[in-house]
Amino acid sequence: MSNAGLDNRHRNHDGEISHKHGTTTVQTLRKIYGQSYAAGHPETRTLSEVLPQLNETSLSQLRRDYETGHLKHKLAKASK
């Protein structure tokens, strides 16, 4: 059973995403989700560094792609 944090983030999914894709830079994520992704964070920061501060929209996009299995493919395509 997953426990939601104070901000309703499910720790098991966020932990899995951070563990598997935590070294992905904000720059790469912006290639996928647009320039406003992880607003306020430098493009050199990694996903594991910004994940706890992501707004609901950015987090929802990331979680949706992770849960549907599309995140890995999108990251591979964006890093080319």
PDB file of N, CA and C in Angstrom:
ATOM      1  N   MET A   1       0.847  -1.180   0.000  1.00  0.00           N
ATOM      2  CA  MET A   1       0.000   0.000   0.000  1.00  0.00           C
ATOM      3  C   MET A   1       0.885   1.233   0.000  1.00  0.00           C
ATOM      4  N   SER A   2       0.539   2.221  -0.807  1.00  0.00           N
ATOM      5  CA  SER A   2       1.353   3.426  -0.869  1.00  0.00           C
ATOM      6  C   SER A   2       0.773   4.486   0.055  1.00  0.00           C
ATOM      7  N   ASN A   3       1.656   5.255   0.638  1.00  0.00           N
ATOM      8  CA  ASN A   3       1.235   6.332   1.523  1.00  0.00           C
ATOM      9  C   ASN A   3       1.520   7.653   0.844  1.00  0.00           C
ATOM     10  N   ALA A   4       0.511   8.502   0.801  1.00  0.00           N
ATOM     11  CA  ALA A   4       0.696   9.821   0.220  1.00  0.00           C
ATOM     12  C   ALA A   4       1.329  10.726   1.262  1.00  0.00           C
ATOM     13  N   GLY A   5       2.202  11.613   0.802  1.00  0.00           N
ATOM     14  CA  GLY A   5       2.820  12.587   1.684  1.00  0.00           C
ATOM     15  C   GLY A   5       1.849  13.713   1.979  1.00  0.00           C
ATOM     16  N   LEU A   6       2.320  14.730   2.640  1.00  0.00           N
ATOM     17  CA  LEU A   6       1.464  15.850   2.999  1.00  0.00           C
ATOM     18  C   LEU A   6       0.894  16.543   1.777  1.00  0.00           C
ATOM     19  N   ASP A   7       1.630  16.505   0.669  1.00  0.00           N
ATOM     20  CA  ASP A   7       1.162  17.159  -0.549  1.00  0.00           C
ATOM     21  C   ASP A   7       0.564  16.153  -1.533  1.00  0.00           C
ATOM     22  N   ASN A   8       0.131  14.999  -1.041  1.00  0.00           N
ATOM     23  CA  ASN A   8      -0.520  13.947  -1.817  1.00  0.00           C
ATOM     24  C   ASN A   8       0.377  13.288  -2.851  1.00  0.00           C
ATOM     25  N   ARG A   9       1.673  13.383  -2.716  1.00  0.00           N
ATOM     26  CA  ARG A   9       2.579  12.693  -3.614  1.00  0.00           C
ATOM     27  C   ARG A   9       2.775  11.282  -3.086  1.00  0.00           C
ATOM     28  N   HIS A  10       2.687  10.318  -3.941  1.00  0.00           N
ATOM     29  CA  HIS A  10       2.867   8.942  -3.523  1.00  0.00           C
ATOM     30  C   HIS A  10       4.343   8.613  -3.531  1.00  0.00           C
ATOM     31  N   ARG A  11       4.886   8.393  -2.358  1.00  0.00           N
ATOM     32  CA  ARG A  11       6.314   8.222  -2.191  1.00  0.00           C
ATOM     33  C   ARG A  11       6.872   7.043  -2.987  1.00  0.00           C
ATOM     34  N   ASN A  12       6.119   5.973  -3.130  1.00  0.00           N
ATOM     35  CA  ASN A  12       6.666   4.827  -3.838  1.00  0.00           C
ATOM     36  C   ASN A  12       6.939   5.158  -5.301  1.00  0.00           C
ATOM     37  N   HIS A  13       6.046   5.887  -5.972  1.00  0.00           N
ATOM     38  CA  HIS A  13       6.264   6.248  -7.371  1.00  0.00           C
ATOM     39  C   HIS A  13       7.387   7.267  -7.505  1.00  0.00           C
ATOM     40  N   ASP A  14       7.396   8.287  -6.654  1.00  0.00           N
ATOM     41  CA  ASP A  14       8.436   9.305  -6.726  1.00  0.00           C
ATOM     42  C   ASP A  14       9.806   8.700  -6.451  1.00  0.00           C
ATOM     43  N   GLY A  15       9.881   7.788  -5.514  1.00  0.00           N
ATOM     44  CA  GLY A  15      11.148   7.126  -5.202  1.00  0.00           C
ATOM     45  C   GLY A  15      11.639   6.272  -6.351  1.00  0.00           C
ATOM     46  N   GLU A  16      10.720   5.573  -7.019  1.00  0.00           N
ATOM     47  CA  GLU A  16      11.086   4.756  -8.166  1.00  0.00           C
ATOM     48  C   GLU A  16      11.568   5.626  -9.318  1.00  0.00           C
ATOM     49  N   ILE A  17      10.878   6.716  -9.567  1.00  0.00           N
ATOM     50  CA  ILE A  17      11.258   7.619 -10.644  1.00  0.00           C
ATOM     51  C   ILE A  17      12.637   8.200 -10.359  1.00  0.00           C
ATOM     52  N   SER A  18      12.854   8.655  -9.143  1.00  0.00           N
ATOM     53  CA  SER A  18      14.141   9.235  -8.769  1.00  0.00           C
ATOM     54  C   SER A  18      15.255   8.203  -8.880  1.00  0.00           C
ATOM     55  N   HIS A  19      14.985   6.989  -8.450  1.00  0.00           N
ATOM     56  CA  HIS A  19      15.999   5.935  -8.493  1.00  0.00           C
ATOM     57  C   HIS A  19      16.358   5.578  -9.931  1.00  0.00           C
ATOM     58  N   LYS A  20      15.375   5.449 -10.794  1.00  0.00           N
ATOM     59  CA  LYS A  20      15.611   5.014 -12.175  1.00  0.00           C
ATOM     60  C   LYS A  20      16.048   6.145 -13.096  1.00  0.00           C
ATOM     61  N   HIS A  21      15.585   7.366 -12.852  1.00  0.00           N
ATOM     62  CA  HIS A  21      15.839   8.466 -13.780  1.00  0.00           C
ATOM     63  C   HIS A  21      16.392   9.706 -13.088  1.00  0.00           C
ATOM     64  N   GLY A  22      16.895   9.557 -11.889  1.00  0.00           N
ATOM     65  CA  GLY A  22      17.337  10.694 -11.085  1.00  0.00           C
ATOM     66  C   GLY A  22      18.474  11.496 -11.659  1.00  0.00           C
ATOM     67  N   THR A  23      19.275  10.923 -12.516  1.00  0.00           N
ATOM     68  CA  THR A  23      20.416  11.653 -13.087  1.00  0.00           C
ATOM     69  C   THR A  23      20.036  12.439 -14.343  1.00  0.00           C
ATOM     70  N   THR A  24      18.801  12.345 -14.765  1.00  0.00           N
ATOM     71  CA  THR A  24      18.325  13.098 -15.921  1.00  0.00           C
ATOM     72  C   THR A  24      18.310  14.579 -15.581  1.00  0.00           C
ATOM     73  N   THR A  25      18.831  15.395 -16.474  1.00  0.00           N
ATOM     74  CA  THR A  25      18.889  16.832 -16.201  1.00  0.00           C
ATOM     75  C   THR A  25      17.568  17.512 -16.525  1.00  0.00           C
ATOM     76  N   VAL A  26      17.362  18.655 -15.911  1.00  0.00           N
ATOM     77  CA  VAL A  26      16.186  19.467 -16.186  1.00  0.00           C
ATOM     78  C   VAL A  26      16.185  19.873 -17.663  1.00  0.00           C
ATOM     79  N   GLN A  27      17.351  20.096 -18.233  1.00  0.00           N
ATOM     80  CA  GLN A  27      17.453  20.447 -19.646  1.00  0.00           C
ATOM     81  C   GLN A  27      16.808  19.367 -20.528  1.00  0.00           C
ATOM     82  N   THR A  28      17.082  18.111 -20.242  1.00  0.00           N
ATOM     83  CA  THR A  28      16.490  17.013 -21.005  1.00  0.00           C
ATOM     84  C   THR A  28      14.982  16.956 -20.795  1.00  0.00           C
ATOM     85  N   LEU A  29      14.538  17.149 -19.573  1.00  0.00           N
ATOM     86  CA  LEU A  29      13.101  17.126 -19.288  1.00  0.00           C
ATOM     87  C   LEU A  29      12.382  18.266 -20.004  1.00  0.00           C
ATOM     88  N   ARG A  30      13.045  19.403 -20.160  1.00  0.00           N
ATOM     89  CA  ARG A  30      12.431  20.528 -20.872  1.00  0.00           C
ATOM     90  C   ARG A  30      12.315  20.246 -22.368  1.00  0.00           C
ATOM     91  N   LYS A  31      13.178  19.417 -22.901  1.00  0.00           N
ATOM     92  CA  LYS A  31      13.044  19.019 -24.303  1.00  0.00           C
ATOM     93  C   LYS A  31      11.766  18.210 -24.500  1.00  0.00           C
ATOM     94  N   ILE A  32      11.368  17.484 -23.480  1.00  0.00           N
ATOM     95  CA  ILE A  32      10.171  16.643 -23.548  1.00  0.00           C
ATOM     96  C   ILE A  32       8.915  17.433 -23.215  1.00  0.00           C
ATOM     97  N   TYR A  33       8.946  18.166 -22.111  1.00  0.00           N
ATOM     98  CA  TYR A  33       7.733  18.779 -21.565  1.00  0.00           C
ATOM     99  C   TYR A  33       7.609  20.283 -21.801  1.00  0.00           C
ATOM    100  N   GLY A  34       8.613  20.906 -22.375  1.00  0.00           N
ATOM    101  CA  GLY A  34       8.555  22.336 -22.643  1.00  0.00           C
ATOM    102  C   GLY A  34       9.427  23.146 -21.696  1.00  0.00           C
ATOM    103  N   GLN A  35       9.704  24.365 -22.093  1.00  0.00           N
ATOM    104  CA  GLN A  35      10.642  25.222 -21.357  1.00  0.00           C
ATOM    105  C   GLN A  35      10.174  25.614 -19.956  1.00  0.00           C
ATOM    106  N   SER A  36       8.901  25.498 -19.680  1.00  0.00           N
ATOM    107  CA  SER A  36       8.414  25.873 -18.349  1.00  0.00           C
ATOM    108  C   SER A  36       8.503  24.721 -17.346  1.00  0.00           C
ATOM    109  N   TYR A  37       8.968  23.551 -17.800  1.00  0.00           N
ATOM    110  CA  TYR A  37       9.069  22.407 -16.893  1.00  0.00           C
ATOM    111  C   TYR A  37      10.096  22.697 -15.805  1.00  0.00           C
ATOM    112  N   ALA A  38       9.757  22.387 -14.565  1.00  0.00           N
ATOM    113  CA  ALA A  38      10.619  22.631 -13.397  1.00  0.00           C
ATOM    114  C   ALA A  38      11.045  24.092 -13.359  1.00  0.00           C
ATOM    115  N   ALA A  39      10.073  24.972 -13.542  1.00  0.00           N
ATOM    116  CA  ALA A  39      10.333  26.412 -13.543  1.00  0.00           C
ATOM    117  C   ALA A  39      11.064  26.831 -12.278  1.00  0.00           C
ATOM    118  N   GLY A  40      12.028  27.709 -12.470  1.00  0.00           N
ATOM    119  CA  GLY A  40      12.799  28.223 -11.346  1.00  0.00           C
ATOM    120  C   GLY A  40      14.033  27.411 -11.011  1.00  0.00           C
ATOM    121  N   HIS A  41      14.230  26.304 -11.705  1.00  0.00           N
ATOM    122  CA  HIS A  41      15.396  25.467 -11.461  1.00  0.00           C
ATOM    123  C   HIS A  41      16.349  25.553 -12.651  1.00  0.00           C
ATOM    124  N   PRO A  42      17.652  25.620 -12.397  1.00  0.00           N
ATOM    125  CA  PRO A  42      18.609  25.656 -13.502  1.00  0.00           C
ATOM    126  C   PRO A  42      18.551  24.370 -14.314  1.00  0.00           C
ATOM    127  N   GLU A  43      18.849  24.475 -15.607  1.00  0.00           N
ATOM    128  CA  GLU A  43      18.774  23.309 -16.486  1.00  0.00           C
ATOM    129  C   GLU A  43      19.824  22.255 -16.169  1.00  0.00           C
ATOM    130  N   THR A  44      20.817  22.601 -15.381  1.00  0.00           N
ATOM    131  CA  THR A  44      21.873  21.651 -15.021  1.00  0.00           C
ATOM    132  C   THR A  44      21.522  20.800 -13.811  1.00  0.00           C
ATOM    133  N   ARG A  45      20.448  21.140 -13.112  1.00  0.00           N
ATOM    134  CA  ARG A  45      20.034  20.333 -11.955  1.00  0.00           C
ATOM    135  C   ARG A  45      19.494  19.003 -12.435  1.00  0.00           C
ATOM    136  N   THR A  46      19.557  18.006 -11.581  1.00  0.00           N
ATOM    137  CA  THR A  46      19.060  16.685 -11.943  1.00  0.00           C
ATOM    138  C   THR A  46      17.646  16.480 -11.397  1.00  0.00           C
ATOM    139  N   LEU A  47      16.981  15.492 -11.955  1.00  0.00           N
ATOM    140  CA  LEU A  47      15.626  15.186 -11.522  1.00  0.00           C
ATOM    141  C   LEU A  47      15.581  14.870 -10.037  1.00  0.00           C
ATOM    142  N   SER A  48      16.540  14.118  -9.544  1.00  0.00           N
ATOM    143  CA  SER A  48      16.519  13.776  -8.117  1.00  0.00           C
ATOM    144  C   SER A  48      16.666  15.009  -7.235  1.00  0.00           C
ATOM    145  N   GLU A  49      17.325  16.047  -7.744  1.00  0.00           N
ATOM    146  CA  GLU A  49      17.477  17.280  -6.970  1.00  0.00           C
ATOM    147  C   GLU A  49      16.205  18.119  -6.956  1.00  0.00           C
ATOM    148  N   VAL A  50      15.459  18.125  -8.049  1.00  0.00           N
ATOM    149  CA  VAL A  50      14.284  18.993  -8.141  1.00  0.00           C
ATOM    150  C   VAL A  50      12.964  18.282  -7.859  1.00  0.00           C
ATOM    151  N   LEU A  51      12.962  16.975  -7.864  1.00  0.00           N
ATOM    152  CA  LEU A  51      11.719  16.217  -7.703  1.00  0.00           C
ATOM    153  C   LEU A  51      10.894  16.650  -6.487  1.00  0.00           C
ATOM    154  N   PRO A  52      11.495  16.840  -5.321  1.00  0.00           N
ATOM    155  CA  PRO A  52      10.679  17.230  -4.156  1.00  0.00           C
ATOM    156  C   PRO A  52      10.025  18.612  -4.292  1.00  0.00           C
ATOM    157  N   GLN A  53      10.554  19.464  -5.188  1.00  0.00           N
ATOM    158  CA  GLN A  53      10.011  20.815  -5.328  1.00  0.00           C
ATOM    159  C   GLN A  53       9.157  21.008  -6.577  1.00  0.00           C
ATOM    160  N   LEU A  54       8.938  19.962  -7.364  1.00  0.00           N
ATOM    161  CA  LEU A  54       8.153  20.125  -8.589  1.00  0.00           C
ATOM    162  C   LEU A  54       6.719  20.516  -8.282  1.00  0.00           C
ATOM    163  N   ASN A  55       6.181  21.396  -9.124  1.00  0.00           N
ATOM    164  CA  ASN A  55       4.773  21.755  -8.950  1.00  0.00           C
ATOM    165  C   ASN A  55       3.905  20.602  -9.427  1.00  0.00           C
ATOM    166  N   GLU A  56       2.635  20.669  -9.141  1.00  0.00           N
ATOM    167  CA  GLU A  56       1.720  19.565  -9.432  1.00  0.00           C
ATOM    168  C   GLU A  56       1.658  19.238 -10.923  1.00  0.00           C
ATOM    169  N   THR A  57       1.685  20.245 -11.779  1.00  0.00           N
ATOM    170  CA  THR A  57       1.620  20.003 -13.220  1.00  0.00           C
ATOM    171  C   THR A  57       2.838  19.232 -13.699  1.00  0.00           C
ATOM    172  N   SER A  58       4.029  19.675 -13.318  1.00  0.00           N
ATOM    173  CA  SER A  58       5.261  19.010 -13.733  1.00  0.00           C
ATOM    174  C   SER A  58       5.316  17.589 -13.182  1.00  0.00           C
ATOM    175  N   LEU A  59       4.940  17.432 -11.938  1.00  0.00           N
ATOM    176  CA  LEU A  59       4.965  16.112 -11.320  1.00  0.00           C
ATOM    177  C   LEU A  59       3.952  15.169 -11.973  1.00  0.00           C
ATOM    178  N   SER A  60       2.789  15.674 -12.289  1.00  0.00           N
ATOM    179  CA  SER A  60       1.755  14.849 -12.919  1.00  0.00           C
ATOM    180  C   SER A  60       2.186  14.360 -14.299  1.00  0.00           C
ATOM    181  N   GLN A  61       2.816  15.243 -15.082  1.00  0.00           N
ATOM    182  CA  GLN A  61       3.295  14.845 -16.407  1.00  0.00           C
ATOM    183  C   GLN A  61       4.323  13.729 -16.283  1.00  0.00           C
ATOM    184  N   LEU A  62       5.251  13.910 -15.393  1.00  0.00           N
ATOM    185  CA  LEU A  62       6.317  12.936 -15.187  1.00  0.00           C
ATOM    186  C   LEU A  62       5.758  11.610 -14.707  1.00  0.00           C
ATOM    187  N   ARG A  63       4.888  11.640 -13.710  1.00  0.00           N
ATOM    188  CA  ARG A  63       4.309  10.422 -13.154  1.00  0.00           C
ATOM    189  C   ARG A  63       3.457   9.684 -14.179  1.00  0.00           C
ATOM    190  N   ARG A  64       2.684  10.422 -14.979  1.00  0.00           N
ATOM    191  CA  ARG A  64       1.842   9.799 -16.009  1.00  0.00           C
ATOM    192  C   ARG A  64       2.707   9.026 -17.013  1.00  0.00           C
ATOM    193  N   ASP A  65       3.772   9.660 -17.502  1.00  0.00           N
ATOM    194  CA  ASP A  65       4.639   8.983 -18.467  1.00  0.00           C
ATOM    195  C   ASP A  65       5.366   7.801 -17.837  1.00  0.00           C
ATOM    196  N   TYR A  66       5.744   7.921 -16.584  1.00  0.00           N
ATOM    197  CA  TYR A  66       6.415   6.816 -15.903  1.00  0.00           C
ATOM    198  C   TYR A  66       5.464   5.632 -15.737  1.00  0.00           C
ATOM    199  N   GLU A  67       4.261   5.896 -15.290  1.00  0.00           N
ATOM    200  CA  GLU A  67       3.297   4.829 -15.023  1.00  0.00           C
ATOM    201  C   GLU A  67       2.820   4.133 -16.297  1.00  0.00           C
ATOM    202  N   THR A  68       2.818   4.848 -17.421  1.00  0.00           N
ATOM    203  CA  THR A  68       2.384   4.241 -18.681  1.00  0.00           C
ATOM    204  C   THR A  68       3.555   3.610 -19.437  1.00  0.00           C
ATOM    205  N   GLY A  69       4.762   3.763 -18.913  1.00  0.00           N
ATOM    206  CA  GLY A  69       5.931   3.177 -19.557  1.00  0.00           C
ATOM    207  C   GLY A  69       6.529   4.016 -20.674  1.00  0.00           C
ATOM    208  N   HIS A  70       6.073   5.251 -20.838  1.00  0.00           N
ATOM    209  CA  HIS A  70       6.553   6.105 -21.906  1.00  0.00           C
ATOM    210  C   HIS A  70       7.782   6.934 -21.530  1.00  0.00           C
ATOM    211  N   LEU A  71       8.044   7.096 -20.252  1.00  0.00           N
ATOM    212  CA  LEU A  71       9.124   7.975 -19.826  1.00  0.00           C
ATOM    213  C   LEU A  71      10.482   7.514 -20.354  1.00  0.00           C
ATOM    214  N   LYS A  72      10.773   6.253 -20.241  1.00  0.00           N
ATOM    215  CA  LYS A  72      12.068   5.737 -20.691  1.00  0.00           C
ATOM    216  C   LYS A  72      12.287   6.029 -22.179  1.00  0.00           C
ATOM    217  N   HIS A  73      11.269   5.805 -22.994  1.00  0.00           N
ATOM    218  CA  HIS A  73      11.358   6.060 -24.431  1.00  0.00           C
ATOM    219  C   HIS A  73      11.549   7.556 -24.707  1.00  0.00           C
ATOM    220  N   LYS A  74      10.785   8.391 -24.035  1.00  0.00           N
ATOM    221  CA  LYS A  74      10.885   9.834 -24.239  1.00  0.00           C
ATOM    222  C   LYS A  74      12.259  10.366 -23.839  1.00  0.00           C
ATOM    223  N   LEU A  75      12.805   9.847 -22.744  1.00  0.00           N
ATOM    224  CA  LEU A  75      14.141  10.272 -22.311  1.00  0.00           C
ATOM    225  C   LEU A  75      15.208   9.851 -23.314  1.00  0.00           C
ATOM    226  N   ALA A  76      15.082   8.646 -23.830  1.00  0.00           N
ATOM    227  CA  ALA A  76      16.059   8.169 -24.817  1.00  0.00           C
ATOM    228  C   ALA A  76      16.009   9.031 -26.073  1.00  0.00           C
ATOM    229  N   LYS A  77      14.823   9.382 -26.509  1.00  0.00           N
ATOM    230  CA  LYS A  77      14.663  10.200 -27.708  1.00  0.00           C
ATOM    231  C   LYS A  77      15.190  11.617 -27.483  1.00  0.00           C
ATOM    232  N   ALA A  78      14.933  12.182 -26.311  1.00  0.00           N
ATOM    233  CA  ALA A  78      15.352  13.563 -26.006  1.00  0.00           C
ATOM    234  C   ALA A  78      16.853  13.681 -25.847  1.00  0.00           C
ATOM    235  N   SER A  79      17.530  12.607 -25.454  1.00  0.00           N
ATOM    236  CA  SER A  79      18.971  12.706 -25.241  1.00  0.00           C
ATOM    237  C   SER A  79      19.777  12.487 -26.511  1.00  0.00           C
ATOM    238  N   LYS A  80      19.124  12.244 -27.614  1.00  0.00           N
ATOM    239  CA  LYS A  80      19.842  12.065 -28.884  1.00  0.00           C
ATOM    240  C   LYS A  80      20.293  13.385 -29.443  1.00  0.00           C
TER     241      LYS A  80
END
